Amino acid sequence: MTDDRTYLVVLNHEEQYSIWRSDREVPAGWRAEGFEGPKEKCLEHIAEVWTDMRPLSLRQRLDSIA
């Protein structure tokens, strides 16, 4: 089965990424990041831009004690 739907790359307040079908409302706590396309292209985009998997709050905490 091929997935010919369009997806959005979404981002939460912790700067964690996911994908969401473009024909659905983005869930609470998430916002559209700006990239839209086929599932595989969205996943490729996330792999390129999400280089630090740690949540934002953890990165900030570690930066404050460094």
C-alpha atoms as a PDB file:
ATOM      1  CA  MET A   1       0.000   0.000   0.000  1.00  0.00           C
ATOM      2  CA  THR A   2       1.408   3.372  -0.959  1.00  0.00           C
ATOM      3  CA  ASP A   3       0.870   6.425   1.181  1.00  0.00           C
ATOM      4  CA  ASP A   4       0.157   9.312  -1.160  1.00  0.00           C
ATOM      5  CA  ARG A   5      -1.022  11.638   1.604  1.00  0.00           C
ATOM      6  CA  THR A   6       0.665  14.930   2.406  1.00  0.00           C
ATOM      7  CA  TYR A   7       2.232  15.427   5.815  1.00  0.00           C
ATOM      8  CA  LEU A   8       3.423  18.377   7.867  1.00  0.00           C
ATOM      9  CA  VAL A   9       6.545  18.450   9.979  1.00  0.00           C
ATOM     10  CA  VAL A  10       5.439  19.544  13.440  1.00  0.00           C
ATOM     11  CA  LEU A  11       7.403  20.752  16.432  1.00  0.00           C
ATOM     12  CA  ASN A  12       6.533  20.971  20.131  1.00  0.00           C
ATOM     13  CA  HIS A  13       7.701  23.356  22.877  1.00  0.00           C
ATOM     14  CA  GLU A  14      10.619  21.027  23.646  1.00  0.00           C
ATOM     15  CA  GLU A  15      11.773  21.289  20.008  1.00  0.00           C
ATOM     16  CA  GLN A  16      10.945  17.650  19.353  1.00  0.00           C
ATOM     17  CA  TYR A  17       9.840  16.837  15.809  1.00  0.00           C
ATOM     18  CA  SER A  18       7.170  14.593  14.366  1.00  0.00           C
ATOM     19  CA  ILE A  19       4.950  14.344  11.304  1.00  0.00           C
ATOM     20  CA  TRP A  20       1.223  14.904  11.075  1.00  0.00           C
ATOM     21  CA  ARG A  21      -1.229  14.417   8.242  1.00  0.00           C
ATOM     22  CA  SER A  22      -1.909  17.755   6.581  1.00  0.00           C
ATOM     23  CA  ASP A  23      -5.645  17.087   6.360  1.00  0.00           C
ATOM     24  CA  ARG A  24      -5.929  16.999  10.148  1.00  0.00           C
ATOM     25  CA  GLU A  25      -5.731  19.764  12.706  1.00  0.00           C
ATOM     26  CA  VAL A  26      -2.326  19.975  14.368  1.00  0.00           C
ATOM     27  CA  PRO A  27      -2.737  18.685  17.942  1.00  0.00           C
ATOM     28  CA  ALA A  28      -2.482  20.912  20.988  1.00  0.00           C
ATOM     29  CA  GLY A  29       1.103  21.521  22.032  1.00  0.00           C
ATOM     30  CA  TRP A  30       2.432  21.184  18.505  1.00  0.00           C
ATOM     31  CA  ARG A  31       2.886  23.686  15.668  1.00  0.00           C
ATOM     32  CA  ALA A  32       3.634  23.341  11.985  1.00  0.00           C
ATOM     33  CA  GLU A  33       7.364  23.775  11.390  1.00  0.00           C
ATOM     34  CA  GLY A  34       6.956  24.856   7.771  1.00  0.00           C
ATOM     35  CA  PHE A  35       7.919  21.746   5.810  1.00  0.00           C
ATOM     36  CA  GLU A  36       5.194  19.817   4.013  1.00  0.00           C
ATOM     37  CA  GLY A  37       5.284  16.885   1.614  1.00  0.00           C
ATOM     38  CA  PRO A  38       5.195  13.112   1.273  1.00  0.00           C
ATOM     39  CA  LYS A  39       5.899  11.080   4.410  1.00  0.00           C
ATOM     40  CA  GLU A  40       9.408  10.035   3.363  1.00  0.00           C
ATOM     41  CA  LYS A  41      10.424  13.604   2.467  1.00  0.00           C
ATOM     42  CA  CYS A  42       9.162  14.844   5.825  1.00  0.00           C
ATOM     43  CA  LEU A  43      11.128  12.142   7.641  1.00  0.00           C
ATOM     44  CA  GLU A  44      14.244  13.035   5.621  1.00  0.00           C
ATOM     45  CA  HIS A  45      13.786  16.694   6.562  1.00  0.00           C
ATOM     46  CA  ILE A  46      13.505  15.801  10.252  1.00  0.00           C
ATOM     47  CA  ALA A  47      16.678  13.704  10.021  1.00  0.00           C
ATOM     48  CA  GLU A  48      18.497  16.744   8.613  1.00  0.00           C
ATOM     49  CA  VAL A  49      17.267  19.364  11.089  1.00  0.00           C
ATOM     50  CA  TRP A  50      16.830  17.433  14.354  1.00  0.00           C
ATOM     51  CA  THR A  51      20.465  16.873  15.171  1.00  0.00           C
ATOM     52  CA  ASP A  52      20.191  16.988  18.971  1.00  0.00           C
ATOM     53  CA  MET A  53      17.494  14.667  20.263  1.00  0.00           C
ATOM     54  CA  ARG A  54      17.612  16.022  23.803  1.00  0.00           C
ATOM     55  CA  PRO A  55      14.532  18.038  24.814  1.00  0.00           C
ATOM     56  CA  LEU A  56      15.035  21.815  24.913  1.00  0.00           C
ATOM     57  CA  SER A  57      14.579  21.952  28.702  1.00  0.00           C
ATOM     58  CA  LEU A  58      17.391  19.436  29.211  1.00  0.00           C
ATOM     59  CA  ARG A  59      19.723  21.295  26.836  1.00  0.00           C
ATOM     60  CA  GLN A  60      19.016  24.565  28.648  1.00  0.00           C
ATOM     61  CA  ARG A  61      19.564  22.957  32.051  1.00  0.00           C
ATOM     62  CA  LEU A  62      22.873  21.441  30.991  1.00  0.00           C
ATOM     63  CA  ASP A  63      23.982  24.756  29.477  1.00  0.00           C
ATOM     64  CA  SER A  64      23.182  26.574  32.731  1.00  0.00           C
ATOM     65  CA  ILE A  65      25.415  24.293  34.819  1.00  0.00           C
ATOM     66  CA  ALA A  66      28.295  24.154  32.342  1.00  0.00           C
END
